[in-house]
Amino acid sequence: MTDATDRLVVDINQDGARSLAAPASVTVDRSFTVDLRNHGMATHVHLHLDDALSTVARLSNANLYVSSEDSRRVQVNVFEPEDGEYEPVTGRLKIAIAYGQETRFVDLTIDLSSHEPVNVDPDLATPNGGGDGAERTAARPDGTATGTATDVSGTAGGSSPLARSRTVKLLPAVLLGLVAVGLAAAAVVPAGTPNLSLGGLAVAAAVLAAAYLLLT
């Protein structure tokens, strides 16, 4: 724009009657105002956006009457593209005074490329470069391997704490199973006929082992 306030300044009658001064070209990336400054006699001002610019911008007022030694402002509203295309659009803004007796054209470029959303690769959000359970090799600055990193399953470098915890939980069930087998054998071996008391204990031990497995 022509200044830091997003205004395109147009001077009317500054260099004599029906004179018109405006920038030759302007590039914008947002909505802005056309600041019409009349330095002489009152006049009518007409503004027009060509077909290309009309697809991305609208004038708040196309026809104005600017009094002598007065100023008026026209808002040029720039819209985000509905089709997601953020390519720059270039066209011409027409400025005419005194019913077309004096006309200027401003080459206007509307560039909204800085507004385009940034697409983030989902892999960049995955810690350690992505990959579940994959084995990765670390490297020294000179490029030589320093060792092998593994996941929590413990496929390299020994059993994991999780595997050891499961083994500890199963130990009581194994012991109860062994007790049940021993009692069952003792119930029938000595006398050749079943011992109901030992058999009952064997059954109870087996039930306890099964219940423990179901509850853990």
N, C-alpha and C. Protein backbone atom coordinates (compact mmCIF):
# COMPACT_ATOMS: atom_id res chain seq x y z
N MET A 1 0.83 -1.20 0.00
CA MET A 1 0.00 0.00 0.00
C MET A 1 0.87 1.25 0.00
N THR A 2 0.20 2.39 -0.11
CA THR A 2 0.95 3.64 -0.19
C THR A 2 1.42 4.13 1.17
N ASP A 3 0.81 3.64 2.26
CA ASP A 3 1.29 4.01 3.58
C ASP A 3 0.97 2.89 4.56
N ALA A 4 1.29 3.12 5.82
CA ALA A 4 1.15 2.05 6.82
C ALA A 4 -0.27 1.86 7.29
N THR A 5 -1.21 2.66 6.80
CA THR A 5 -2.59 2.56 7.29
C THR A 5 -3.50 1.86 6.28
N ASP A 6 -2.92 1.15 5.31
CA ASP A 6 -3.69 0.41 4.31
C ASP A 6 -4.63 1.33 3.55
N ARG A 7 -4.10 2.46 3.09
CA ARG A 7 -4.89 3.40 2.30
C ARG A 7 -4.24 3.63 0.94
N LEU A 8 -5.05 3.65 -0.08
CA LEU A 8 -4.59 4.03 -1.40
C LEU A 8 -5.03 5.48 -1.59
N VAL A 9 -4.09 6.40 -1.63
CA VAL A 9 -4.39 7.83 -1.67
C VAL A 9 -4.53 8.29 -3.11
N VAL A 10 -5.65 8.97 -3.39
CA VAL A 10 -5.92 9.54 -4.71
C VAL A 10 -6.11 11.05 -4.53
N ASP A 11 -5.28 11.83 -5.22
CA ASP A 11 -5.35 13.29 -5.12
C ASP A 11 -6.13 13.83 -6.32
N ILE A 12 -7.15 14.63 -6.02
CA ILE A 12 -8.02 15.21 -7.05
C ILE A 12 -7.81 16.73 -7.07
N ASN A 13 -7.66 17.29 -8.26
CA ASN A 13 -7.50 18.74 -8.46
C ASN A 13 -6.28 19.31 -7.74
N GLN A 14 -5.29 18.50 -7.47
CA GLN A 14 -4.10 19.01 -6.79
C GLN A 14 -3.20 19.79 -7.75
N ASP A 15 -3.12 19.34 -8.99
CA ASP A 15 -2.25 19.99 -9.98
C ASP A 15 -3.05 20.81 -10.99
N GLY A 16 -4.21 21.26 -10.59
CA GLY A 16 -5.05 22.05 -11.48
C GLY A 16 -6.43 21.45 -11.58
N ALA A 17 -7.33 22.17 -12.26
CA ALA A 17 -8.71 21.71 -12.39
C ALA A 17 -8.76 20.36 -13.12
N ARG A 18 -9.55 19.47 -12.59
CA ARG A 18 -9.77 18.14 -13.15
C ARG A 18 -8.47 17.32 -13.30
N SER A 19 -7.53 17.58 -12.43
CA SER A 19 -6.33 16.73 -12.42
C SER A 19 -6.57 15.55 -11.48
N LEU A 20 -5.90 14.47 -11.77
CA LEU A 20 -6.12 13.23 -11.00
C LEU A 20 -4.80 12.50 -10.86
N ALA A 21 -4.41 12.20 -9.66
CA ALA A 21 -3.15 11.51 -9.41
C ALA A 21 -3.39 10.29 -8.53
N ALA A 22 -2.85 9.14 -8.96
CA ALA A 22 -3.00 7.89 -8.22
C ALA A 22 -1.79 7.01 -8.49
N PRO A 23 -1.47 6.07 -7.60
CA PRO A 23 -0.33 5.17 -7.85
C PRO A 23 -0.55 4.35 -9.10
N ALA A 24 0.54 4.05 -9.80
CA ALA A 24 0.44 3.24 -11.03
C ALA A 24 0.10 1.80 -10.71
N SER A 25 0.63 1.27 -9.61
CA SER A 25 0.37 -0.13 -9.23
C SER A 25 0.43 -0.28 -7.73
N VAL A 26 -0.35 -1.23 -7.23
CA VAL A 26 -0.42 -1.48 -5.79
C VAL A 26 -0.63 -2.98 -5.59
N THR A 27 0.00 -3.55 -4.57
CA THR A 27 -0.23 -4.93 -4.17
C THR A 27 -0.73 -4.95 -2.74
N VAL A 28 -1.82 -5.69 -2.51
CA VAL A 28 -2.41 -5.75 -1.17
C VAL A 28 -2.61 -7.21 -0.78
N ASP A 29 -2.73 -7.45 0.53
CA ASP A 29 -3.01 -8.80 1.02
C ASP A 29 -4.18 -8.79 2.00
N ARG A 30 -4.98 -7.73 1.94
CA ARG A 30 -6.13 -7.59 2.83
C ARG A 30 -7.04 -6.49 2.31
N SER A 31 -8.15 -6.25 3.02
CA SER A 31 -9.04 -5.15 2.66
C SER A 31 -8.34 -3.82 2.90
N PHE A 32 -8.73 -2.79 2.15
CA PHE A 32 -8.10 -1.48 2.27
C PHE A 32 -9.10 -0.39 1.89
N THR A 33 -8.68 0.86 2.02
CA THR A 33 -9.54 1.99 1.67
C THR A 33 -8.90 2.81 0.57
N VAL A 34 -9.75 3.38 -0.28
CA VAL A 34 -9.32 4.35 -1.27
C VAL A 34 -9.62 5.72 -0.68
N ASP A 35 -8.59 6.50 -0.42
CA ASP A 35 -8.72 7.82 0.22
C ASP A 35 -8.75 8.89 -0.87
N LEU A 36 -9.93 9.42 -1.15
CA LEU A 36 -10.12 10.44 -2.18
C LEU A 36 -9.96 11.83 -1.55
N ARG A 37 -8.90 12.56 -1.94
CA ARG A 37 -8.61 13.87 -1.35
C ARG A 37 -8.78 14.95 -2.44
N ASN A 38 -9.78 15.78 -2.25
CA ASN A 38 -10.09 16.82 -3.24
C ASN A 38 -9.45 18.14 -2.82
N HIS A 39 -8.56 18.63 -3.65
CA HIS A 39 -7.84 19.87 -3.34
C HIS A 39 -8.44 21.08 -4.04
N GLY A 40 -9.52 20.89 -4.79
CA GLY A 40 -10.11 22.00 -5.54
C GLY A 40 -11.62 21.97 -5.51
N MET A 41 -12.21 22.26 -6.69
CA MET A 41 -13.68 22.35 -6.77
C MET A 41 -14.32 20.98 -6.61
N ALA A 42 -15.60 20.99 -6.20
CA ALA A 42 -16.34 19.76 -5.98
C ALA A 42 -16.45 18.96 -7.27
N THR A 43 -16.49 17.65 -7.13
CA THR A 43 -16.57 16.80 -8.32
C THR A 43 -17.20 15.45 -7.97
N HIS A 44 -17.66 14.77 -9.02
CA HIS A 44 -18.14 13.40 -8.86
C HIS A 44 -16.99 12.43 -9.15
N VAL A 45 -16.94 11.34 -8.39
CA VAL A 45 -15.90 10.33 -8.56
C VAL A 45 -16.57 8.97 -8.79
N HIS A 46 -16.05 8.26 -9.79
CA HIS A 46 -16.56 6.91 -10.07
C HIS A 46 -15.41 5.92 -9.95
N LEU A 47 -15.67 4.82 -9.24
CA LEU A 47 -14.67 3.75 -9.07
C LEU A 47 -15.22 2.46 -9.65
N HIS A 48 -14.31 1.65 -10.21
CA HIS A 48 -14.75 0.39 -10.81
C HIS A 48 -13.63 -0.64 -10.74
N LEU A 49 -13.99 -1.87 -10.31
CA LEU A 49 -13.06 -3.01 -10.33
C LEU A 49 -13.36 -3.84 -11.58
N ASP A 50 -12.32 -4.24 -12.31
CA ASP A 50 -12.56 -5.04 -13.51
C ASP A 50 -13.03 -6.45 -13.13
N ASP A 51 -13.29 -7.27 -14.15
CA ASP A 51 -13.87 -8.59 -13.90
C ASP A 51 -13.00 -9.47 -13.03
N ALA A 52 -11.68 -9.42 -13.25
CA ALA A 52 -10.78 -10.27 -12.46
C ALA A 52 -10.82 -9.91 -10.98
N LEU A 53 -10.74 -8.62 -10.68
CA LEU A 53 -10.74 -8.19 -9.28
C LEU A 53 -12.10 -8.38 -8.62
N SER A 54 -13.16 -8.30 -9.42
CA SER A 54 -14.52 -8.45 -8.86
C SER A 54 -14.76 -9.84 -8.29
N THR A 55 -13.94 -10.82 -8.66
CA THR A 55 -14.11 -12.17 -8.12
C THR A 55 -13.62 -12.29 -6.68
N VAL A 56 -12.77 -11.34 -6.24
CA VAL A 56 -12.20 -11.45 -4.90
C VAL A 56 -12.38 -10.19 -4.06
N ALA A 57 -13.00 -9.14 -4.63
CA ALA A 57 -13.12 -7.88 -3.89
C ALA A 57 -14.42 -7.17 -4.27
N ARG A 58 -14.89 -6.30 -3.37
CA ARG A 58 -16.09 -5.50 -3.59
C ARG A 58 -15.85 -4.08 -3.09
N LEU A 59 -16.43 -3.10 -3.81
CA LEU A 59 -16.38 -1.71 -3.40
C LEU A 59 -17.57 -1.39 -2.50
N SER A 60 -17.33 -0.66 -1.44
CA SER A 60 -18.45 -0.26 -0.58
C SER A 60 -19.29 0.82 -1.24
N ASN A 61 -18.71 1.58 -2.15
CA ASN A 61 -19.43 2.64 -2.87
C ASN A 61 -18.70 2.92 -4.17
N ALA A 62 -19.41 2.89 -5.29
CA ALA A 62 -18.76 3.08 -6.58
C ALA A 62 -18.89 4.51 -7.10
N ASN A 63 -19.87 5.25 -6.63
CA ASN A 63 -20.11 6.62 -7.10
C ASN A 63 -20.24 7.56 -5.91
N LEU A 64 -19.42 8.61 -5.91
CA LEU A 64 -19.41 9.53 -4.79
C LEU A 64 -19.37 10.98 -5.28
N TYR A 65 -19.83 11.85 -4.43
CA TYR A 65 -19.69 13.29 -4.65
C TYR A 65 -18.75 13.82 -3.59
N VAL A 66 -17.63 14.40 -4.02
CA VAL A 66 -16.63 14.90 -3.08
C VAL A 66 -16.66 16.43 -3.14
N SER A 67 -16.98 17.01 -2.02
CA SER A 67 -17.08 18.46 -1.95
C SER A 67 -15.71 19.12 -2.10
N SER A 68 -15.74 20.44 -2.35
CA SER A 68 -14.50 21.20 -2.49
C SER A 68 -13.69 21.15 -1.20
N GLU A 69 -12.40 20.93 -1.35
CA GLU A 69 -11.48 20.86 -0.21
C GLU A 69 -11.95 19.84 0.83
N ASP A 70 -12.46 18.74 0.34
CA ASP A 70 -12.98 17.70 1.24
C ASP A 70 -12.35 16.36 0.84
N SER A 71 -12.64 15.35 1.61
CA SER A 71 -12.14 14.01 1.31
C SER A 71 -13.21 12.97 1.63
N ARG A 72 -13.18 11.87 0.89
CA ARG A 72 -14.09 10.75 1.12
C ARG A 72 -13.28 9.46 1.05
N ARG A 73 -13.79 8.45 1.74
CA ARG A 73 -13.09 7.16 1.72
C ARG A 73 -14.04 6.07 1.24
N VAL A 74 -13.49 5.16 0.43
CA VAL A 74 -14.24 4.03 -0.09
C VAL A 74 -13.53 2.76 0.37
N GLN A 75 -14.28 1.85 0.97
CA GLN A 75 -13.72 0.59 1.44
C GLN A 75 -13.70 -0.43 0.30
N VAL A 76 -12.54 -1.07 0.13
CA VAL A 76 -12.42 -2.18 -0.81
C VAL A 76 -12.30 -3.45 0.03
N ASN A 77 -13.37 -4.22 0.05
CA ASN A 77 -13.41 -5.44 0.87
C ASN A 77 -12.86 -6.63 0.09
N VAL A 78 -11.83 -7.25 0.62
CA VAL A 78 -11.19 -8.40 -0.01
C VAL A 78 -11.65 -9.65 0.72
N PHE A 79 -12.07 -10.67 -0.04
CA PHE A 79 -12.62 -11.89 0.54
C PHE A 79 -11.67 -13.06 0.38
N GLU A 80 -11.72 -13.97 1.37
CA GLU A 80 -10.97 -15.21 1.27
C GLU A 80 -11.57 -16.06 0.14
N PRO A 81 -10.75 -16.74 -0.66
CA PRO A 81 -11.28 -17.55 -1.77
C PRO A 81 -12.10 -18.74 -1.27
N GLU A 82 -13.27 -18.96 -1.87
CA GLU A 82 -14.13 -20.07 -1.46
C GLU A 82 -13.62 -21.41 -1.99
N ASP A 83 -12.86 -21.37 -3.09
CA ASP A 83 -12.39 -22.63 -3.69
C ASP A 83 -11.04 -23.06 -3.15
N GLY A 84 -10.50 -22.31 -2.18
CA GLY A 84 -9.23 -22.69 -1.58
C GLY A 84 -8.01 -22.32 -2.42
N GLU A 85 -8.23 -21.61 -3.53
CA GLU A 85 -7.10 -21.20 -4.38
C GLU A 85 -6.59 -19.83 -3.93
N TYR A 86 -5.33 -19.79 -3.51
CA TYR A 86 -4.76 -18.56 -2.98
C TYR A 86 -3.76 -17.93 -3.96
N GLU A 87 -3.96 -18.17 -5.24
CA GLU A 87 -3.08 -17.57 -6.24
C GLU A 87 -3.37 -16.07 -6.32
N PRO A 88 -2.34 -15.22 -6.54
CA PRO A 88 -2.57 -13.77 -6.67
C PRO A 88 -3.48 -13.46 -7.85
N VAL A 89 -4.31 -12.45 -7.65
CA VAL A 89 -5.22 -11.98 -8.71
C VAL A 89 -4.83 -10.55 -9.06
N THR A 90 -4.62 -10.29 -10.35
CA THR A 90 -4.22 -8.97 -10.81
C THR A 90 -5.28 -8.41 -11.76
N GLY A 91 -5.61 -7.17 -11.57
CA GLY A 91 -6.58 -6.49 -12.44
C GLY A 91 -6.38 -5.00 -12.36
N ARG A 92 -7.42 -4.26 -12.79
CA ARG A 92 -7.28 -2.80 -12.79
C ARG A 92 -8.44 -2.15 -12.04
N LEU A 93 -8.07 -1.18 -11.22
CA LEU A 93 -9.03 -0.34 -10.53
C LEU A 93 -9.15 0.97 -11.30
N LYS A 94 -10.36 1.26 -11.78
CA LYS A 94 -10.59 2.47 -12.56
C LYS A 94 -11.07 3.59 -11.64
N ILE A 95 -10.47 4.78 -11.82
CA ILE A 95 -10.86 5.97 -11.06
C ILE A 95 -11.16 7.07 -12.07
N ALA A 96 -12.37 7.59 -12.04
CA ALA A 96 -12.76 8.64 -12.99
C ALA A 96 -13.42 9.79 -12.23
N ILE A 97 -13.17 11.03 -12.69
CA ILE A 97 -13.79 12.21 -12.08
C ILE A 97 -14.50 13.02 -13.16
N ALA A 98 -15.39 13.90 -12.69
CA ALA A 98 -16.11 14.81 -13.59
C ALA A 98 -16.80 14.05 -14.71
N TYR A 99 -17.49 12.97 -14.35
CA TYR A 99 -18.26 12.16 -15.30
C TYR A 99 -17.39 11.62 -16.44
N GLY A 100 -16.19 11.20 -16.07
CA GLY A 100 -15.32 10.55 -17.04
C GLY A 100 -14.39 11.48 -17.79
N GLN A 101 -14.35 12.75 -17.47
CA GLN A 101 -13.47 13.68 -18.18
C GLN A 101 -11.99 13.41 -17.87
N GLU A 102 -11.73 12.84 -16.71
CA GLU A 102 -10.35 12.47 -16.36
C GLU A 102 -10.39 11.08 -15.72
N THR A 103 -9.52 10.18 -16.21
CA THR A 103 -9.55 8.79 -15.76
C THR A 103 -8.13 8.29 -15.49
N ARG A 104 -8.01 7.50 -14.44
CA ARG A 104 -6.75 6.84 -14.14
C ARG A 104 -7.05 5.36 -13.86
N PHE A 105 -6.05 4.51 -14.19
CA PHE A 105 -6.15 3.08 -13.91
C PHE A 105 -5.00 2.68 -12.99
N VAL A 106 -5.33 1.96 -11.95
CA VAL A 106 -4.32 1.45 -11.01
C VAL A 106 -4.22 -0.06 -11.21
N ASP A 107 -3.02 -0.54 -11.51
CA ASP A 107 -2.80 -1.99 -11.60
C ASP A 107 -2.78 -2.55 -10.18
N LEU A 108 -3.83 -3.28 -9.86
CA LEU A 108 -4.01 -3.75 -8.49
C LEU A 108 -3.84 -5.27 -8.42
N THR A 109 -2.95 -5.72 -7.55
CA THR A 109 -2.73 -7.15 -7.32
C THR A 109 -3.18 -7.49 -5.90
N ILE A 110 -4.06 -8.47 -5.80
CA ILE A 110 -4.52 -8.97 -4.50
C ILE A 110 -3.87 -10.33 -4.28
N ASP A 111 -2.95 -10.36 -3.34
CA ASP A 111 -2.16 -11.57 -3.08
C ASP A 111 -2.46 -12.07 -1.67
N LEU A 112 -3.23 -13.14 -1.57
CA LEU A 112 -3.60 -13.71 -0.28
C LEU A 112 -2.82 -14.99 0.03
N SER A 113 -1.71 -15.18 -0.66
CA SER A 113 -0.95 -16.43 -0.46
C SER A 113 -0.47 -16.59 0.97
N SER A 114 -0.24 -15.48 1.67
CA SER A 114 0.20 -15.57 3.06
C SER A 114 -0.91 -16.05 3.99
N HIS A 115 -2.15 -16.06 3.50
CA HIS A 115 -3.29 -16.51 4.31
C HIS A 115 -3.54 -18.00 4.15
N GLU A 116 -2.87 -18.64 3.21
CA GLU A 116 -3.14 -20.05 2.91
C GLU A 116 -2.77 -20.92 4.09
N PRO A 117 -3.69 -21.82 4.52
CA PRO A 117 -3.39 -22.70 5.66
C PRO A 117 -2.19 -23.60 5.36
N VAL A 118 -1.40 -23.88 6.39
CA VAL A 118 -0.24 -24.74 6.25
C VAL A 118 -0.65 -26.17 6.59
N ASN A 119 -0.41 -27.10 5.67
CA ASN A 119 -0.71 -28.51 5.89
C ASN A 119 0.48 -29.18 6.59
N VAL A 120 0.22 -29.72 7.77
CA VAL A 120 1.28 -30.37 8.56
C VAL A 120 1.25 -31.87 8.30
N ASP A 121 2.40 -32.44 7.96
CA ASP A 121 2.52 -33.88 7.73
C ASP A 121 2.25 -34.61 9.05
N PRO A 122 1.25 -35.53 9.08
CA PRO A 122 0.96 -36.25 10.33
C PRO A 122 2.16 -36.98 10.90
N ASP A 123 3.10 -37.41 10.03
CA ASP A 123 4.28 -38.15 10.52
C ASP A 123 5.16 -37.28 11.40
N LEU A 124 5.09 -35.93 11.18
CA LEU A 124 5.92 -35.04 11.99
C LEU A 124 5.46 -34.99 13.43
N ALA A 125 4.20 -35.34 13.69
CA ALA A 125 3.68 -35.32 15.05
C ALA A 125 3.97 -36.60 15.81
N THR A 126 4.55 -37.62 15.15
CA THR A 126 4.85 -38.89 15.79
C THR A 126 6.23 -38.83 16.45
N PRO A 127 6.32 -39.11 17.76
CA PRO A 127 7.63 -39.06 18.44
C PRO A 127 8.62 -40.04 17.83
N ASN A 128 9.91 -39.66 17.89
CA ASN A 128 11.02 -40.50 17.43
C ASN A 128 10.87 -40.92 15.98
N GLY A 129 10.27 -40.02 15.17
CA GLY A 129 10.23 -40.29 13.74
C GLY A 129 9.20 -41.29 13.33
N GLY A 130 8.22 -41.66 14.20
CA GLY A 130 7.14 -42.57 13.81
C GLY A 130 7.59 -44.01 13.87
N GLY A 131 6.63 -44.91 13.60
CA GLY A 131 6.92 -46.34 13.58
C GLY A 131 6.65 -46.96 14.92
N ASP A 132 5.64 -47.85 15.03
CA ASP A 132 5.30 -48.49 16.29
C ASP A 132 6.09 -49.78 16.45
N GLY A 133 6.90 -49.85 17.50
CA GLY A 133 7.61 -51.07 17.81
C GLY A 133 8.75 -51.35 16.86
N ALA A 134 9.11 -50.44 16.01
CA ALA A 134 10.17 -50.68 15.04
C ALA A 134 11.52 -50.54 15.72
N GLU A 135 12.46 -51.33 15.28
CA GLU A 135 13.79 -51.28 15.85
C GLU A 135 14.59 -50.21 15.14
N ARG A 136 15.21 -49.31 15.89
CA ARG A 136 15.96 -48.21 15.31
C ARG A 136 17.38 -48.23 15.84
N THR A 137 18.32 -47.86 15.03
CA THR A 137 19.72 -47.85 15.40
C THR A 137 20.20 -46.43 15.57
N ALA A 138 20.76 -46.13 16.76
CA ALA A 138 21.31 -44.81 17.00
C ALA A 138 22.67 -44.70 16.36
N ALA A 139 23.11 -43.47 16.10
CA ALA A 139 24.40 -43.28 15.44
C ALA A 139 25.18 -42.18 16.13
N ARG A 140 26.49 -42.35 16.11
CA ARG A 140 27.38 -41.32 16.60
C ARG A 140 27.53 -40.24 15.53
N PRO A 141 28.11 -39.08 15.91
CA PRO A 141 28.33 -38.04 14.89
C PRO A 141 29.13 -38.51 13.70
N ASP A 142 30.03 -39.53 13.89
CA ASP A 142 30.82 -40.00 12.75
C ASP A 142 30.07 -41.02 11.91
N GLY A 143 28.81 -41.32 12.26
CA GLY A 143 28.00 -42.20 11.43
C GLY A 143 27.99 -43.65 11.87
N THR A 144 28.78 -44.03 12.91
CA THR A 144 28.81 -45.43 13.34
C THR A 144 27.69 -45.69 14.31
N ALA A 145 27.20 -46.93 14.32
CA ALA A 145 26.07 -47.29 15.18
C ALA A 145 26.52 -47.40 16.61
N THR A 146 25.67 -46.95 17.55
CA THR A 146 26.01 -47.00 18.97
C THR A 146 25.21 -48.05 19.71
N GLY A 147 24.14 -48.56 19.12
CA GLY A 147 23.35 -49.55 19.83
C GLY A 147 21.97 -49.66 19.21
N THR A 148 21.15 -50.50 19.76
CA THR A 148 19.82 -50.74 19.22
C THR A 148 18.78 -50.31 20.22
N ALA A 149 17.83 -49.48 19.75
CA ALA A 149 16.73 -49.05 20.60
C ALA A 149 15.51 -49.87 20.28
N THR A 150 14.76 -50.30 21.28
CA THR A 150 13.58 -51.12 21.05
C THR A 150 12.38 -50.51 21.73
N ASP A 151 11.20 -51.08 21.42
CA ASP A 151 9.98 -50.61 22.06
C ASP A 151 9.81 -51.29 23.40
N VAL A 152 8.64 -51.04 24.04
CA VAL A 152 8.43 -51.53 25.40
C VAL A 152 8.20 -53.02 25.47
N SER A 153 8.07 -53.70 24.33
CA SER A 153 7.81 -55.14 24.37
C SER A 153 9.04 -55.93 24.75
N GLY A 154 10.25 -55.30 24.71
CA GLY A 154 11.46 -55.96 25.15
C GLY A 154 11.96 -56.99 24.17
N THR A 155 11.78 -56.78 22.85
CA THR A 155 12.23 -57.76 21.87
C THR A 155 13.74 -57.80 21.77
N ALA A 156 14.41 -56.78 22.26
CA ALA A 156 15.87 -56.78 22.29
C ALA A 156 16.31 -56.24 23.64
N GLY A 157 17.39 -56.80 24.14
CA GLY A 157 17.95 -56.29 25.39
C GLY A 157 17.30 -56.88 26.63
N GLY A 158 16.63 -58.09 26.57
CA GLY A 158 16.07 -58.72 27.75
C GLY A 158 14.58 -58.51 27.87
N SER A 159 13.99 -59.24 28.84
CA SER A 159 12.54 -59.15 29.03
C SER A 159 12.18 -57.81 29.66
N SER A 160 10.96 -57.38 29.36
CA SER A 160 10.51 -56.09 29.86
C SER A 160 9.90 -56.24 31.24
N PRO A 161 9.71 -55.13 31.99
CA PRO A 161 9.05 -55.20 33.30
C PRO A 161 7.63 -55.75 33.18
N LEU A 162 6.95 -55.48 32.08
CA LEU A 162 5.59 -55.96 31.89
C LEU A 162 5.57 -57.49 31.84
N ALA A 163 6.53 -58.09 31.09
CA ALA A 163 6.58 -59.54 30.98
C ALA A 163 6.88 -60.17 32.33
N ARG A 164 7.80 -59.58 33.10
CA ARG A 164 8.13 -60.11 34.42
C ARG A 164 6.94 -60.02 35.36
N SER A 165 6.16 -58.95 35.25
CA SER A 165 4.99 -58.79 36.11
C SER A 165 3.95 -59.85 35.82
N ARG A 166 3.75 -60.20 34.55
CA ARG A 166 2.81 -61.25 34.20
C ARG A 166 3.24 -62.61 34.75
N THR A 167 4.56 -62.86 34.70
CA THR A 167 5.08 -64.14 35.22
C THR A 167 4.80 -64.27 36.71
N VAL A 168 5.00 -63.16 37.46
CA VAL A 168 4.77 -63.17 38.90
C VAL A 168 3.30 -63.43 39.20
N LYS A 169 2.40 -62.83 38.41
CA LYS A 169 0.97 -63.01 38.63
C LYS A 169 0.52 -64.45 38.39
N LEU A 170 1.16 -65.12 37.44
CA LEU A 170 0.77 -66.49 37.12
C LEU A 170 1.32 -67.53 38.10
N LEU A 171 2.34 -67.13 38.88
CA LEU A 171 3.01 -68.09 39.77
C LEU A 171 2.06 -68.75 40.78
N PRO A 172 1.18 -67.99 41.47
CA PRO A 172 0.26 -68.66 42.41
C PRO A 172 -0.64 -69.68 41.73
N ALA A 173 -1.11 -69.38 40.53
CA ALA A 173 -1.98 -70.32 39.83
C ALA A 173 -1.23 -71.61 39.50
N VAL A 174 0.04 -71.47 39.11
CA VAL A 174 0.85 -72.66 38.80
C VAL A 174 1.05 -73.51 40.05
N LEU A 175 1.32 -72.85 41.18
CA LEU A 175 1.54 -73.59 42.43
C LEU A 175 0.27 -74.32 42.86
N LEU A 176 -0.89 -73.64 42.74
CA LEU A 176 -2.15 -74.30 43.09
C LEU A 176 -2.43 -75.50 42.19
N GLY A 177 -2.07 -75.34 40.89
CA GLY A 177 -2.24 -76.46 39.96
C GLY A 177 -1.39 -77.65 40.34
N LEU A 178 -0.13 -77.37 40.75
CA LEU A 178 0.75 -78.46 41.16
C LEU A 178 0.23 -79.14 42.42
N VAL A 179 -0.30 -78.34 43.35
CA VAL A 179 -0.86 -78.92 44.57
C VAL A 179 -2.04 -79.82 44.25
N ALA A 180 -2.89 -79.34 43.30
CA ALA A 180 -4.06 -80.15 42.91
C ALA A 180 -3.63 -81.47 42.32
N VAL A 181 -2.62 -81.45 41.46
CA VAL A 181 -2.13 -82.69 40.84
C VAL A 181 -1.55 -83.62 41.90
N GLY A 182 -0.78 -83.06 42.85
CA GLY A 182 -0.19 -83.89 43.90
C GLY A 182 -1.24 -84.53 44.78
N LEU A 183 -2.26 -83.77 45.13
CA LEU A 183 -3.32 -84.32 45.99
C LEU A 183 -4.11 -85.40 45.25
N ALA A 184 -4.35 -85.16 43.95
CA ALA A 184 -5.09 -86.16 43.17
C ALA A 184 -4.30 -87.47 43.09
N ALA A 185 -2.99 -87.35 42.90
CA ALA A 185 -2.16 -88.56 42.83
C ALA A 185 -2.13 -89.29 44.18
N ALA A 186 -2.04 -88.52 45.26
CA ALA A 186 -1.99 -89.12 46.61
C ALA A 186 -3.30 -89.80 46.97
N ALA A 187 -4.40 -89.32 46.36
CA ALA A 187 -5.72 -89.87 46.70
C ALA A 187 -5.90 -91.27 46.16
N VAL A 188 -5.19 -91.64 45.09
CA VAL A 188 -5.44 -92.93 44.46
C VAL A 188 -4.25 -93.89 44.54
N VAL A 189 -3.05 -93.39 44.77
CA VAL A 189 -1.88 -94.26 44.67
C VAL A 189 -1.75 -95.21 45.86
N PRO A 190 -1.83 -94.76 47.12
CA PRO A 190 -1.48 -95.66 48.22
C PRO A 190 -2.38 -96.89 48.34
N ALA A 191 -3.66 -96.71 48.32
CA ALA A 191 -4.56 -97.83 48.60
C ALA A 191 -5.17 -98.43 47.36
N GLY A 192 -5.00 -97.83 46.23
CA GLY A 192 -5.58 -98.35 45.00
C GLY A 192 -7.00 -97.92 44.81
N THR A 193 -7.57 -97.36 45.86
CA THR A 193 -8.95 -96.85 45.74
C THR A 193 -8.92 -95.36 46.04
N PRO A 194 -9.82 -94.61 45.47
CA PRO A 194 -9.78 -93.14 45.67
C PRO A 194 -9.99 -92.76 47.13
N ASN A 195 -9.23 -91.81 47.59
CA ASN A 195 -9.41 -91.19 48.89
C ASN A 195 -10.24 -89.93 48.70
N LEU A 196 -11.47 -89.97 49.18
CA LEU A 196 -12.39 -88.86 48.91
C LEU A 196 -11.91 -87.55 49.52
N SER A 197 -11.29 -87.61 50.67
CA SER A 197 -10.82 -86.37 51.31
C SER A 197 -9.74 -85.70 50.48
N LEU A 198 -8.74 -86.50 50.08
CA LEU A 198 -7.67 -85.91 49.26
C LEU A 198 -8.19 -85.49 47.90
N GLY A 199 -9.15 -86.29 47.38
CA GLY A 199 -9.74 -85.90 46.09
C GLY A 199 -10.46 -84.58 46.18
N GLY A 200 -11.17 -84.38 47.28
CA GLY A 200 -11.88 -83.11 47.46
C GLY A 200 -10.93 -81.94 47.56
N LEU A 201 -9.81 -82.14 48.26
CA LEU A 201 -8.80 -81.08 48.34
C LEU A 201 -8.20 -80.78 46.98
N ALA A 202 -7.99 -81.83 46.19
CA ALA A 202 -7.43 -81.61 44.84
C ALA A 202 -8.39 -80.80 43.99
N VAL A 203 -9.67 -81.14 44.09
CA VAL A 203 -10.67 -80.37 43.33
C VAL A 203 -10.70 -78.92 43.79
N ALA A 204 -10.64 -78.72 45.11
CA ALA A 204 -10.67 -77.35 45.64
C ALA A 204 -9.46 -76.55 45.16
N ALA A 205 -8.28 -77.18 45.15
CA ALA A 205 -7.08 -76.49 44.67
C ALA A 205 -7.20 -76.13 43.20
N ALA A 206 -7.78 -77.05 42.42
CA ALA A 206 -7.95 -76.77 40.99
C ALA A 206 -8.91 -75.62 40.77
N VAL A 207 -10.01 -75.59 41.57
CA VAL A 207 -10.99 -74.50 41.45
C VAL A 207 -10.35 -73.16 41.81
N LEU A 208 -9.57 -73.16 42.88
CA LEU A 208 -8.90 -71.92 43.28
C LEU A 208 -7.94 -71.43 42.19
N ALA A 209 -7.22 -72.37 41.59
CA ALA A 209 -6.30 -71.97 40.51
C ALA A 209 -7.05 -71.36 39.35
N ALA A 210 -8.19 -72.00 38.98
CA ALA A 210 -8.97 -71.48 37.85
C ALA A 210 -9.54 -70.11 38.18
N ALA A 211 -10.05 -69.94 39.42
CA ALA A 211 -10.62 -68.65 39.82
C ALA A 211 -9.57 -67.56 39.81
N TYR A 212 -8.38 -67.89 40.28
CA TYR A 212 -7.30 -66.89 40.28
C TYR A 212 -6.97 -66.42 38.88
N LEU A 213 -6.92 -67.39 37.93
CA LEU A 213 -6.63 -67.02 36.55
C LEU A 213 -7.70 -66.12 35.96
N LEU A 214 -8.95 -66.39 36.33
CA LEU A 214 -10.04 -65.57 35.79
C LEU A 214 -10.05 -64.16 36.36
N LEU A 215 -9.63 -64.03 37.60
CA LEU A 215 -9.68 -62.72 38.25
C LEU A 215 -8.46 -61.85 38.02
N THR A 216 -7.36 -62.42 37.52
CA THR A 216 -6.14 -61.64 37.30
C THR A 216 -6.02 -61.25 35.85
